[in-house]
N, C-alpha and C. Protein backbone atom coordinates (compact mmCIF):
# COMPACT_ATOMS: atom_id res chain seq x y z
N MET A 1 -8.38 5.17 -111.68
CA MET A 1 -8.99 5.85 -112.81
C MET A 1 -8.09 6.98 -113.31
N GLU A 2 -7.42 7.63 -112.38
CA GLU A 2 -6.56 8.74 -112.77
C GLU A 2 -5.38 8.27 -113.63
N ALA A 3 -4.83 7.12 -113.29
CA ALA A 3 -3.71 6.59 -114.08
C ALA A 3 -4.18 6.19 -115.48
N PHE A 4 -5.38 5.66 -115.58
CA PHE A 4 -5.94 5.28 -116.87
C PHE A 4 -6.12 6.51 -117.76
N LEU A 5 -6.64 7.60 -117.18
CA LEU A 5 -6.84 8.83 -117.95
C LEU A 5 -5.50 9.43 -118.39
N LYS A 6 -4.51 9.36 -117.51
CA LYS A 6 -3.19 9.87 -117.88
C LYS A 6 -2.56 9.02 -118.98
N GLY A 7 -2.81 7.72 -118.95
CA GLY A 7 -2.30 6.84 -119.99
C GLY A 7 -2.90 7.16 -121.34
N ILE A 8 -4.20 7.38 -121.37
CA ILE A 8 -4.87 7.75 -122.62
C ILE A 8 -4.35 9.09 -123.12
N LEU A 9 -4.15 10.03 -122.22
CA LEU A 9 -3.64 11.34 -122.60
C LEU A 9 -2.23 11.24 -123.17
N MET A 10 -1.37 10.48 -122.52
CA MET A 10 0.00 10.33 -123.02
C MET A 10 0.03 9.62 -124.38
N LEU A 11 -0.84 8.63 -124.55
CA LEU A 11 -0.91 7.93 -125.84
C LEU A 11 -1.37 8.87 -126.95
N SER A 12 -2.36 9.70 -126.66
CA SER A 12 -2.84 10.62 -127.69
C SER A 12 -1.80 11.69 -128.01
N ILE A 13 -1.04 12.13 -127.00
CA ILE A 13 0.03 13.10 -127.27
C ILE A 13 1.12 12.46 -128.12
N LEU A 14 1.45 11.21 -127.82
CA LEU A 14 2.45 10.49 -128.61
C LEU A 14 1.99 10.31 -130.05
N LEU A 15 0.73 9.94 -130.23
CA LEU A 15 0.19 9.78 -131.58
C LEU A 15 0.16 11.11 -132.33
N ALA A 16 -0.18 12.19 -131.61
CA ALA A 16 -0.23 13.51 -132.26
C ALA A 16 1.15 13.94 -132.72
N THR A 17 2.15 13.80 -131.87
CA THR A 17 3.50 14.23 -132.26
C THR A 17 4.07 13.35 -133.37
N SER A 18 3.81 12.05 -133.31
CA SER A 18 4.33 11.19 -134.37
C SER A 18 3.62 11.45 -135.69
N SER A 19 2.32 11.68 -135.66
CA SER A 19 1.59 11.97 -136.90
C SER A 19 2.01 13.31 -137.49
N LEU A 20 2.19 14.31 -136.62
CA LEU A 20 2.64 15.61 -137.12
C LEU A 20 4.06 15.52 -137.68
N GLY A 21 4.92 14.80 -136.99
CA GLY A 21 6.29 14.65 -137.47
C GLY A 21 6.35 13.90 -138.79
N LEU A 22 5.61 12.82 -138.89
CA LEU A 22 5.59 12.06 -140.14
C LEU A 22 4.97 12.87 -141.27
N GLY A 23 3.93 13.62 -140.95
CA GLY A 23 3.30 14.46 -141.98
C GLY A 23 4.21 15.55 -142.48
N LEU A 24 4.98 16.15 -141.58
CA LEU A 24 5.94 17.17 -142.00
C LEU A 24 7.09 16.56 -142.78
N TYR A 25 7.52 15.39 -142.36
CA TYR A 25 8.66 14.74 -143.02
C TYR A 25 8.31 14.32 -144.45
N THR A 26 7.10 13.78 -144.62
CA THR A 26 6.71 13.28 -145.95
C THR A 26 5.90 14.29 -146.75
N HIS A 27 5.63 15.46 -146.18
CA HIS A 27 4.82 16.49 -146.83
C HIS A 27 3.44 15.94 -147.19
N ASP A 28 2.86 15.21 -146.25
CA ASP A 28 1.56 14.57 -146.48
C ASP A 28 0.50 15.33 -145.69
N LEU A 29 -0.45 15.89 -146.39
CA LEU A 29 -1.48 16.70 -145.75
C LEU A 29 -2.44 15.85 -144.92
N LEU A 30 -2.66 14.61 -145.32
CA LEU A 30 -3.55 13.73 -144.56
C LEU A 30 -2.96 13.42 -143.19
N MET A 31 -1.67 13.11 -143.14
CA MET A 31 -1.03 12.82 -141.85
C MET A 31 -1.00 14.06 -140.96
N LEU A 32 -0.79 15.24 -141.56
CA LEU A 32 -0.84 16.47 -140.79
C LEU A 32 -2.23 16.69 -140.20
N SER A 33 -3.26 16.41 -140.98
CA SER A 33 -4.63 16.56 -140.50
C SER A 33 -4.92 15.61 -139.35
N ILE A 34 -4.45 14.39 -139.47
CA ILE A 34 -4.65 13.41 -138.40
C ILE A 34 -3.90 13.85 -137.15
N GLY A 35 -2.70 14.37 -137.30
CA GLY A 35 -1.94 14.86 -136.16
C GLY A 35 -2.62 16.02 -135.48
N ILE A 36 -3.18 16.93 -136.26
CA ILE A 36 -3.90 18.06 -135.68
C ILE A 36 -5.14 17.58 -134.93
N LEU A 37 -5.84 16.60 -135.49
CA LEU A 37 -7.01 16.06 -134.81
C LEU A 37 -6.63 15.35 -133.51
N PHE A 38 -5.52 14.61 -133.50
CA PHE A 38 -5.05 13.98 -132.27
C PHE A 38 -4.66 15.03 -131.23
N ALA A 39 -4.03 16.11 -131.66
CA ALA A 39 -3.65 17.18 -130.73
C ALA A 39 -4.90 17.85 -130.15
N PHE A 40 -5.89 18.08 -130.99
CA PHE A 40 -7.15 18.66 -130.52
C PHE A 40 -7.84 17.72 -129.53
N PHE A 41 -7.83 16.42 -129.83
CA PHE A 41 -8.40 15.43 -128.91
C PHE A 41 -7.67 15.44 -127.58
N ALA A 42 -6.34 15.54 -127.61
CA ALA A 42 -5.56 15.53 -126.38
C ALA A 42 -5.89 16.75 -125.52
N MET A 43 -6.05 17.91 -126.15
CA MET A 43 -6.39 19.10 -125.38
C MET A 43 -7.77 18.98 -124.76
N LEU A 44 -8.75 18.55 -125.55
CA LEU A 44 -10.10 18.40 -125.02
C LEU A 44 -10.18 17.32 -123.95
N PHE A 45 -9.46 16.23 -124.14
CA PHE A 45 -9.47 15.14 -123.17
C PHE A 45 -8.84 15.59 -121.86
N ALA A 46 -7.77 16.38 -121.93
CA ALA A 46 -7.13 16.87 -120.72
C ALA A 46 -8.06 17.81 -119.95
N LEU A 47 -8.76 18.67 -120.67
CA LEU A 47 -9.68 19.58 -120.00
C LEU A 47 -10.86 18.84 -119.38
N GLU A 48 -11.40 17.87 -120.09
CA GLU A 48 -12.53 17.11 -119.56
C GLU A 48 -12.13 16.25 -118.37
N SER A 49 -10.96 15.62 -118.43
CA SER A 49 -10.54 14.78 -117.30
C SER A 49 -10.24 15.63 -116.08
N ARG A 50 -9.70 16.84 -116.28
CA ARG A 50 -9.48 17.74 -115.15
C ARG A 50 -10.81 18.13 -114.50
N GLN A 51 -11.83 18.35 -115.33
CA GLN A 51 -13.14 18.72 -114.81
C GLN A 51 -13.77 17.55 -114.06
N VAL A 52 -13.64 16.34 -114.59
CA VAL A 52 -14.23 15.16 -113.95
C VAL A 52 -13.51 14.85 -112.65
N LEU A 53 -12.19 14.92 -112.64
CA LEU A 53 -11.43 14.60 -111.43
C LEU A 53 -11.57 15.69 -110.38
N GLY A 54 -11.86 16.92 -110.79
CA GLY A 54 -12.02 18.01 -109.83
C GLY A 54 -13.41 18.13 -109.25
N ASN A 55 -14.32 17.28 -109.68
CA ASN A 55 -15.70 17.32 -109.19
C ASN A 55 -15.75 16.76 -107.77
N PRO A 56 -16.16 17.56 -106.78
CA PRO A 56 -16.19 17.06 -105.40
C PRO A 56 -17.35 16.09 -105.14
N PHE A 57 -18.31 16.00 -106.04
CA PHE A 57 -19.47 15.15 -105.82
C PHE A 57 -19.38 13.81 -106.54
N ARG A 58 -18.25 13.52 -107.19
CA ARG A 58 -18.13 12.23 -107.87
C ARG A 58 -17.84 11.14 -106.85
N LYS A 59 -18.24 9.94 -107.19
CA LYS A 59 -18.08 8.83 -106.24
C LYS A 59 -16.71 8.23 -106.34
């Protein structure tokens, strides 16, 4: 499960950086917005997965 969560996190970080880079390169506000949303998702996902994996009562 931990490898799956890390895979999702790495994919979202890759999507965030590529969307931000493409948005800056093309001066496209929509791509910048998508990149910011992916970055926000990556931060929240990392915090939530750390909380779930750190729970001593999980099975």
